[in-house]
Amino acid sequence: MKPGGAAILVVQDSYYKELHNDLPKIIGQMGERAGLELIRSERFAWQQSMSRINPHPRGYNRPSDATESVLCFAKR
């Protein structure tokens, strides 16, 4: 990305078995380490999680709704 450029990402959190992976936080940290500035982050509940595709869930204890985030980055 050129200096002064911007990127907007939509990222959904995930679970591995019963462990929550806060992907928006991880992506935000990775972007900042790559020289991007996180200028805005908005989280919202999302009803259409990819984890609902599996017709035979293994009974892991996790929320049925996912959290999606919109991350807005700018190149310094």
PDB file of N, CA and C in Angstrom:
ATOM      1  N   MET A   1       0.849  -1.167   0.000  1.00  0.00           N
ATOM      2  CA  MET A   1       0.000   0.000   0.000  1.00  0.00           C
ATOM      3  C   MET A   1       0.903   1.242   0.000  1.00  0.00           C
ATOM      4  N   LYS A   2       0.532   2.213  -0.792  1.00  0.00           N
ATOM      5  CA  LYS A   2       1.295   3.453  -0.865  1.00  0.00           C
ATOM      6  C   LYS A   2       1.063   4.291   0.392  1.00  0.00           C
ATOM      7  N   PRO A   3       2.046   5.133   0.768  1.00  0.00           N
ATOM      8  CA  PRO A   3       1.815   6.055   1.880  1.00  0.00           C
ATOM      9  C   PRO A   3       0.583   6.919   1.601  1.00  0.00           C
ATOM     10  N   GLY A   4      -0.253   7.072   2.605  1.00  0.00           N
ATOM     11  CA  GLY A   4      -1.498   7.813   2.456  1.00  0.00           C
ATOM     12  C   GLY A   4      -2.655   6.937   2.000  1.00  0.00           C
ATOM     13  N   GLY A   5      -2.369   5.678   1.668  1.00  0.00           N
ATOM     14  CA  GLY A   5      -3.410   4.748   1.227  1.00  0.00           C
ATOM     15  C   GLY A   5      -4.226   4.219   2.399  1.00  0.00           C
ATOM     16  N   ALA A   6      -5.345   3.589   2.084  1.00  0.00           N
ATOM     17  CA  ALA A   6      -6.224   3.049   3.125  1.00  0.00           C
ATOM     18  C   ALA A   6      -6.685   1.649   2.728  1.00  0.00           C
ATOM     19  N   ALA A   7      -7.007   0.864   3.745  1.00  0.00           N
ATOM     20  CA  ALA A   7      -7.548  -0.480   3.534  1.00  0.00           C
ATOM     21  C   ALA A   7      -8.646  -0.714   4.553  1.00  0.00           C
ATOM     22  N   ILE A   8      -9.714  -1.341   4.119  1.00  0.00           N
ATOM     23  CA  ILE A   8     -10.823  -1.688   5.010  1.00  0.00           C
ATOM     24  C   ILE A   8     -11.006  -3.197   4.940  1.00  0.00           C
ATOM     25  N   LEU A   9     -10.941  -3.849   6.093  1.00  0.00           N
ATOM     26  CA  LEU A   9     -11.072  -5.297   6.178  1.00  0.00           C
ATOM     27  C   LEU A   9     -12.271  -5.661   7.043  1.00  0.00           C
ATOM     28  N   VAL A  10     -12.977  -6.707   6.657  1.00  0.00           N
ATOM     29  CA  VAL A  10     -14.047  -7.270   7.485  1.00  0.00           C
ATOM     30  C   VAL A  10     -13.530  -8.621   7.969  1.00  0.00           C
ATOM     31  N   VAL A  11     -13.445  -8.776   9.284  1.00  0.00           N
ATOM     32  CA  VAL A  11     -12.843  -9.963   9.882  1.00  0.00           C
ATOM     33  C   VAL A  11     -13.813 -10.545  10.897  1.00  0.00           C
ATOM     34  N   GLN A  12     -13.962 -11.879  10.878  1.00  0.00           N
ATOM     35  CA  GLN A  12     -14.848 -12.557  11.820  1.00  0.00           C
ATOM     36  C   GLN A  12     -14.006 -13.332  12.823  1.00  0.00           C
ATOM     37  N   ASP A  13     -14.382 -13.243  14.104  1.00  0.00           N
ATOM     38  CA  ASP A  13     -13.673 -14.031  15.101  1.00  0.00           C
ATOM     39  C   ASP A  13     -13.957 -15.505  14.877  1.00  0.00           C
ATOM     40  N   SER A  14     -13.214 -16.369  15.530  1.00  0.00           N
ATOM     41  CA  SER A  14     -13.418 -17.794  15.331  1.00  0.00           C
ATOM     42  C   SER A  14     -13.133 -18.556  16.619  1.00  0.00           C
ATOM     43  N   TYR A  15     -13.466 -19.817  16.584  1.00  0.00           N
ATOM     44  CA  TYR A  15     -13.210 -20.709  17.709  1.00  0.00           C
ATOM     45  C   TYR A  15     -12.512 -21.952  17.183  1.00  0.00           C
ATOM     46  N   TYR A  16     -11.553 -22.424  17.930  1.00  0.00           N
ATOM     47  CA  TYR A  16     -10.947 -23.725  17.685  1.00  0.00           C
ATOM     48  C   TYR A  16     -11.284 -24.570  18.896  1.00  0.00           C
ATOM     49  N   LYS A  17     -12.144 -25.534  18.685  1.00  0.00           N
ATOM     50  CA  LYS A  17     -12.730 -26.309  19.774  1.00  0.00           C
ATOM     51  C   LYS A  17     -13.407 -25.318  20.712  1.00  0.00           C
ATOM     52  N   GLU A  18     -12.933 -25.139  21.930  1.00  0.00           N
ATOM     53  CA  GLU A  18     -13.566 -24.181  22.842  1.00  0.00           C
ATOM     54  C   GLU A  18     -12.728 -22.924  23.052  1.00  0.00           C
ATOM     55  N   LEU A  19     -11.672 -22.751  22.270  1.00  0.00           N
ATOM     56  CA  LEU A  19     -10.793 -21.600  22.435  1.00  0.00           C
ATOM     57  C   LEU A  19     -11.181 -20.489  21.468  1.00  0.00           C
ATOM     58  N   HIS A  20     -11.428 -19.317  22.023  1.00  0.00           N
ATOM     59  CA  HIS A  20     -11.801 -18.155  21.220  1.00  0.00           C
ATOM     60  C   HIS A  20     -10.558 -17.537  20.597  1.00  0.00           C
ATOM     61  N   ASN A  21     -10.589 -17.318  19.291  1.00  0.00           N
ATOM     62  CA  ASN A  21      -9.521 -16.627  18.570  1.00  0.00           C
ATOM     63  C   ASN A  21     -10.043 -15.258  18.176  1.00  0.00           C
ATOM     64  N   ASP A  22      -9.525 -14.241  18.813  1.00  0.00           N
ATOM     65  CA  ASP A  22      -9.961 -12.871  18.540  1.00  0.00           C
ATOM     66  C   ASP A  22      -9.210 -12.363  17.302  1.00  0.00           C
ATOM     67  N   LEU A  23      -9.650 -12.825  16.123  1.00  0.00           N
ATOM     68  CA  LEU A  23      -8.962 -12.473  14.884  1.00  0.00           C
ATOM     69  C   LEU A  23      -8.925 -10.973  14.598  1.00  0.00           C
ATOM     70  N   PRO A  24      -9.981 -10.203  14.895  1.00  0.00           N
ATOM     71  CA  PRO A  24      -9.864  -8.761  14.673  1.00  0.00           C
ATOM     72  C   PRO A  24      -8.706  -8.135  15.468  1.00  0.00           C
ATOM     73  N   LYS A  25      -8.526  -8.581  16.694  1.00  0.00           N
ATOM     74  CA  LYS A  25      -7.421  -8.057  17.510  1.00  0.00           C
ATOM     75  C   LYS A  25      -6.078  -8.480  16.923  1.00  0.00           C
ATOM     76  N   ILE A  26      -5.978  -9.750  16.512  1.00  0.00           N
ATOM     77  CA  ILE A  26      -4.733 -10.261  15.946  1.00  0.00           C
ATOM     78  C   ILE A  26      -4.396  -9.533  14.647  1.00  0.00           C
ATOM     79  N   ILE A  27      -5.375  -9.364  13.761  1.00  0.00           N
ATOM     80  CA  ILE A  27      -5.147  -8.669  12.482  1.00  0.00           C
ATOM     81  C   ILE A  27      -4.774  -7.210  12.731  1.00  0.00           C
ATOM     82  N   GLY A  28      -5.412  -6.579  13.709  1.00  0.00           N
ATOM     83  CA  GLY A  28      -5.074  -5.194  14.056  1.00  0.00           C
ATOM     84  C   GLY A  28      -3.624  -5.065  14.497  1.00  0.00           C
ATOM     85  N   GLN A  29      -3.179  -5.980  15.339  1.00  0.00           N
ATOM     86  CA  GLN A  29      -1.782  -5.954  15.798  1.00  0.00           C
ATOM     87  C   GLN A  29      -0.813  -6.228  14.655  1.00  0.00           C
ATOM     88  N   MET A  30      -1.172  -7.163  13.784  1.00  0.00           N
ATOM     89  CA  MET A  30      -0.309  -7.463  12.640  1.00  0.00           C
ATOM     90  C   MET A  30      -0.199  -6.249  11.711  1.00  0.00           C
ATOM     91  N   GLY A  31      -1.323  -5.576  11.475  1.00  0.00           N
ATOM     92  CA  GLY A  31      -1.297  -4.392  10.625  1.00  0.00           C
ATOM     93  C   GLY A  31      -0.425  -3.293  11.193  1.00  0.00           C
ATOM     94  N   GLU A  32      -0.531  -3.076  12.504  1.00  0.00           N
ATOM     95  CA  GLU A  32       0.279  -2.034  13.135  1.00  0.00           C
ATOM     96  C   GLU A  32       1.765  -2.373  13.078  1.00  0.00           C
ATOM     97  N   ARG A  33       2.105  -3.636  13.231  1.00  0.00           N
ATOM     98  CA  ARG A  33       3.510  -4.047  13.121  1.00  0.00           C
ATOM     99  C   ARG A  33       4.024  -3.907  11.693  1.00  0.00           C
ATOM    100  N   ALA A  34       3.123  -3.938  10.721  1.00  0.00           N
ATOM    101  CA  ALA A  34       3.508  -3.793   9.308  1.00  0.00           C
ATOM    102  C   ALA A  34       3.531  -2.329   8.879  1.00  0.00           C
ATOM    103  N   GLY A  35       3.356  -1.411   9.825  1.00  0.00           N
ATOM    104  CA  GLY A  35       3.431   0.009   9.495  1.00  0.00           C
ATOM    105  C   GLY A  35       2.102   0.650   9.158  1.00  0.00           C
ATOM    106  N   LEU A  36       0.985  -0.034   9.455  1.00  0.00           N
ATOM    107  CA  LEU A  36      -0.334   0.538   9.211  1.00  0.00           C
ATOM    108  C   LEU A  36      -0.879   1.104  10.513  1.00  0.00           C
ATOM    109  N   GLU A  37      -1.695   2.100  10.400  1.00  0.00           N
ATOM    110  CA  GLU A  37      -2.338   2.695  11.568  1.00  0.00           C
ATOM    111  C   GLU A  37      -3.810   2.281  11.574  1.00  0.00           C
ATOM    112  N   LEU A  38      -4.244   1.670  12.659  1.00  0.00           N
ATOM    113  CA  LEU A  38      -5.652   1.298  12.799  1.00  0.00           C
ATOM    114  C   LEU A  38      -6.407   2.562  13.196  1.00  0.00           C
ATOM    115  N   ILE A  39      -7.165   3.125  12.252  1.00  0.00           N
ATOM    116  CA  ILE A  39      -7.826   4.395  12.519  1.00  0.00           C
ATOM    117  C   ILE A  39      -9.259   4.219  13.013  1.00  0.00           C
ATOM    118  N   ARG A  40      -9.834   3.029  12.780  1.00  0.00           N
ATOM    119  CA  ARG A  40     -11.197   2.786  13.272  1.00  0.00           C
ATOM    120  C   ARG A  40     -11.472   1.287  13.297  1.00  0.00           C
ATOM    121  N   SER A  41     -12.190   0.863  14.322  1.00  0.00           N
ATOM    122  CA  SER A  41     -12.577  -0.534  14.457  1.00  0.00           C
ATOM    123  C   SER A  41     -13.983  -0.581  15.021  1.00  0.00           C
ATOM    124  N   GLU A  42     -14.865  -1.271  14.334  1.00  0.00           N
ATOM    125  CA  GLU A  42     -16.259  -1.418  14.784  1.00  0.00           C
ATOM    126  C   GLU A  42     -16.595  -2.899  14.844  1.00  0.00           C
ATOM    127  N   ARG A  43     -17.148  -3.355  15.968  1.00  0.00           N
ATOM    128  CA  ARG A  43     -17.573  -4.746  16.131  1.00  0.00           C
ATOM    129  C   ARG A  43     -19.086  -4.821  16.119  1.00  0.00           C
ATOM    130  N   PHE A  44     -19.606  -5.921  15.570  1.00  0.00           N
ATOM    131  CA  PHE A  44     -21.040  -6.136  15.605  1.00  0.00           C
ATOM    132  C   PHE A  44     -21.330  -7.629  15.541  1.00  0.00           C
ATOM    133  N   ALA A  45     -22.476  -8.029  16.105  1.00  0.00           N
ATOM    134  CA  ALA A  45     -22.870  -9.434  16.105  1.00  0.00           C
ATOM    135  C   ALA A  45     -23.315  -9.830  14.706  1.00  0.00           C
ATOM    136  N   TRP A  46     -23.048 -11.068  14.343  1.00  0.00           N
ATOM    137  CA  TRP A  46     -23.381 -11.567  13.017  1.00  0.00           C
ATOM    138  C   TRP A  46     -24.032 -12.923  13.178  1.00  0.00           C
ATOM    139  N   GLN A  47     -25.185 -13.099  12.580  1.00  0.00           N
ATOM    140  CA  GLN A  47     -25.964 -14.318  12.738  1.00  0.00           C
ATOM    141  C   GLN A  47     -25.524 -15.448  11.824  1.00  0.00           C
ATOM    142  N   GLN A  48     -24.793 -15.161  10.757  1.00  0.00           N
ATOM    143  CA  GLN A  48     -24.457 -16.170   9.757  1.00  0.00           C
ATOM    144  C   GLN A  48     -23.013 -16.629   9.885  1.00  0.00           C
ATOM    145  N   SER A  49     -22.697 -17.282  10.979  1.00  0.00           N
ATOM    146  CA  SER A  49     -21.349 -17.763  11.222  1.00  0.00           C
ATOM    147  C   SER A  49     -21.048 -18.974  10.339  1.00  0.00           C
ATOM    148  N   MET A  50     -19.819 -19.080   9.879  1.00  0.00           N
ATOM    149  CA  MET A  50     -19.400 -20.232   9.079  1.00  0.00           C
ATOM    150  C   MET A  50     -19.479 -21.519   9.890  1.00  0.00           C
ATOM    151  N   SER A  51     -19.411 -21.430  11.218  1.00  0.00           N
ATOM    152  CA  SER A  51     -19.464 -22.632  12.049  1.00  0.00           C
ATOM    153  C   SER A  51     -20.832 -23.308  11.995  1.00  0.00           C
ATOM    154  N   ARG A  52     -21.854 -22.606  11.529  1.00  0.00           N
ATOM    155  CA  ARG A  52     -23.184 -23.204  11.421  1.00  0.00           C
ATOM    156  C   ARG A  52     -23.327 -24.126  10.213  1.00  0.00           C
ATOM    157  N   ILE A  53     -22.347 -24.120   9.320  1.00  0.00           N
ATOM    158  CA  ILE A  53     -22.416 -24.954   8.127  1.00  0.00           C
ATOM    159  C   ILE A  53     -22.344 -26.432   8.489  1.00  0.00           C
ATOM    160  N   ASN A  54     -21.542 -26.763   9.480  1.00  0.00           N
ATOM    161  CA  ASN A  54     -21.360 -28.157   9.885  1.00  0.00           C
ATOM    162  C   ASN A  54     -22.668 -28.716  10.435  1.00  0.00           C
ATOM    163  N   PRO A  55     -23.253 -29.735   9.807  1.00  0.00           N
ATOM    164  CA  PRO A  55     -24.521 -30.278  10.288  1.00  0.00           C
ATOM    165  C   PRO A  55     -24.361 -31.167  11.523  1.00  0.00           C
ATOM    166  N   HIS A  56     -23.129 -31.516  11.879  1.00  0.00           N
ATOM    167  CA  HIS A  56     -22.881 -32.405  13.018  1.00  0.00           C
ATOM    168  C   HIS A  56     -21.875 -31.778  13.980  1.00  0.00           C
ATOM    169  N   PRO A  57     -22.264 -30.718  14.681  1.00  0.00           N
ATOM    170  CA  PRO A  57     -21.316 -30.107  15.617  1.00  0.00           C
ATOM    171  C   PRO A  57     -20.953 -31.094  16.717  1.00  0.00           C
ATOM    172  N   ARG A  58     -19.780 -30.983  17.213  1.00  0.00           N
ATOM    173  CA  ARG A  58     -19.292 -31.936  18.207  1.00  0.00           C
ATOM    174  C   ARG A  58     -19.635 -31.546  19.636  1.00  0.00           C
ATOM    175  N   GLY A  59     -20.485 -30.599  19.826  1.00  0.00           N
ATOM    176  CA  GLY A  59     -20.918 -30.241  21.162  1.00  0.00           C
ATOM    177  C   GLY A  59     -19.969 -29.340  21.922  1.00  0.00           C
ATOM    178  N   TYR A  60     -19.110 -28.628  21.198  1.00  0.00           N
ATOM    179  CA  TYR A  60     -18.240 -27.696  21.884  1.00  0.00           C
ATOM    180  C   TYR A  60     -19.084 -26.573  22.463  1.00  0.00           C
ATOM    181  N   ASN A  61     -18.688 -26.100  23.615  1.00  0.00           N
ATOM    182  CA  ASN A  61     -19.411 -25.026  24.289  1.00  0.00           C
ATOM    183  C   ASN A  61     -18.916 -23.683  23.771  1.00  0.00           C
ATOM    184  N   ARG A  62     -19.662 -23.106  22.831  1.00  0.00           N
ATOM    185  CA  ARG A  62     -19.292 -21.802  22.278  1.00  0.00           C
ATOM    186  C   ARG A  62     -20.555 -21.062  21.859  1.00  0.00           C
ATOM    187  N   PRO A  63     -20.471 -19.751  21.785  1.00  0.00           N
ATOM    188  CA  PRO A  63     -21.648 -18.985  21.355  1.00  0.00           C
ATOM    189  C   PRO A  63     -22.033 -19.324  19.921  1.00  0.00           C
ATOM    190  N   SER A  64     -23.323 -19.269  19.633  1.00  0.00           N
ATOM    191  CA  SER A  64     -23.777 -19.579  18.281  1.00  0.00           C
ATOM    192  C   SER A  64     -23.581 -18.403  17.329  1.00  0.00           C
ATOM    193  N   ASP A  65     -23.528 -17.192  17.847  1.00  0.00           N
ATOM    194  CA  ASP A  65     -23.333 -16.016  17.004  1.00  0.00           C
ATOM    195  C   ASP A  65     -21.865 -15.633  16.967  1.00  0.00           C
ATOM    196  N   ALA A  66     -21.447 -15.139  15.844  1.00  0.00           N
ATOM    197  CA  ALA A  66     -20.073 -14.681  15.679  1.00  0.00           C
ATOM    198  C   ALA A  66     -20.024 -13.167  15.834  1.00  0.00           C
ATOM    199  N   THR A  67     -18.825 -12.664  16.012  1.00  0.00           N
ATOM    200  CA  THR A  67     -18.614 -11.226  16.040  1.00  0.00           C
ATOM    201  C   THR A  67     -17.782 -10.862  14.824  1.00  0.00           C
ATOM    202  N   GLU A  68     -18.275  -9.930  14.045  1.00  0.00           N
ATOM    203  CA  GLU A  68     -17.514  -9.426  12.908  1.00  0.00           C
ATOM    204  C   GLU A  68     -17.028  -8.029  13.244  1.00  0.00           C
ATOM    205  N   SER A  69     -15.907  -7.690  12.666  1.00  0.00           N
ATOM    206  CA  SER A  69     -15.330  -6.368  12.873  1.00  0.00           C
ATOM    207  C   SER A  69     -14.940  -5.764  11.539  1.00  0.00           C
ATOM    208  N   VAL A  70     -15.126  -4.480  11.433  1.00  0.00           N
ATOM    209  CA  VAL A  70     -14.636  -3.717  10.292  1.00  0.00           C
ATOM    210  C   VAL A  70     -13.416  -2.971  10.793  1.00  0.00           C
ATOM    211  N   LEU A  71     -12.274  -3.247  10.176  1.00  0.00           N
ATOM    212  CA  LEU A  71     -11.011  -2.614  10.556  1.00  0.00           C
ATOM    213  C   LEU A  71     -10.584  -1.661   9.442  1.00  0.00           C
ATOM    214  N   CYS A  72     -10.358  -0.416   9.806  1.00  0.00           N
ATOM    215  CA  CYS A  72      -9.935   0.595   8.837  1.00  0.00           C
ATOM    216  C   CYS A  72      -8.485   0.972   9.114  1.00  0.00           C
ATOM    217  N   PHE A  73      -7.619   0.696   8.159  1.00  0.00           N
ATOM    218  CA  PHE A  73      -6.192   0.980   8.281  1.00  0.00           C
ATOM    219  C   PHE A  73      -5.795   2.095   7.338  1.00  0.00           C
ATOM    220  N   ALA A  74      -4.765   2.849   7.730  1.00  0.00           N
ATOM    221  CA  ALA A  74      -4.148   3.850   6.866  1.00  0.00           C
ATOM    222  C   ALA A  74      -2.653   3.622   6.875  1.00  0.00           C
ATOM    223  N   LYS A  75      -2.013   3.833   5.741  1.00  0.00           N
ATOM    224  CA  LYS A  75      -0.560   3.701   5.640  1.00  0.00           C
ATOM    225  C   LYS A  75       0.075   4.987   6.120  1.00  0.00           C
ATOM    226  N   ARG A  76       1.012   4.883   7.010  1.00  0.00           N
ATOM    227  CA  ARG A  76       1.703   6.063   7.562  1.00  0.00           C
ATOM    228  C   ARG A  76       2.634   6.677   6.563  1.00  0.00           C
TER     229      ARG A  76
END
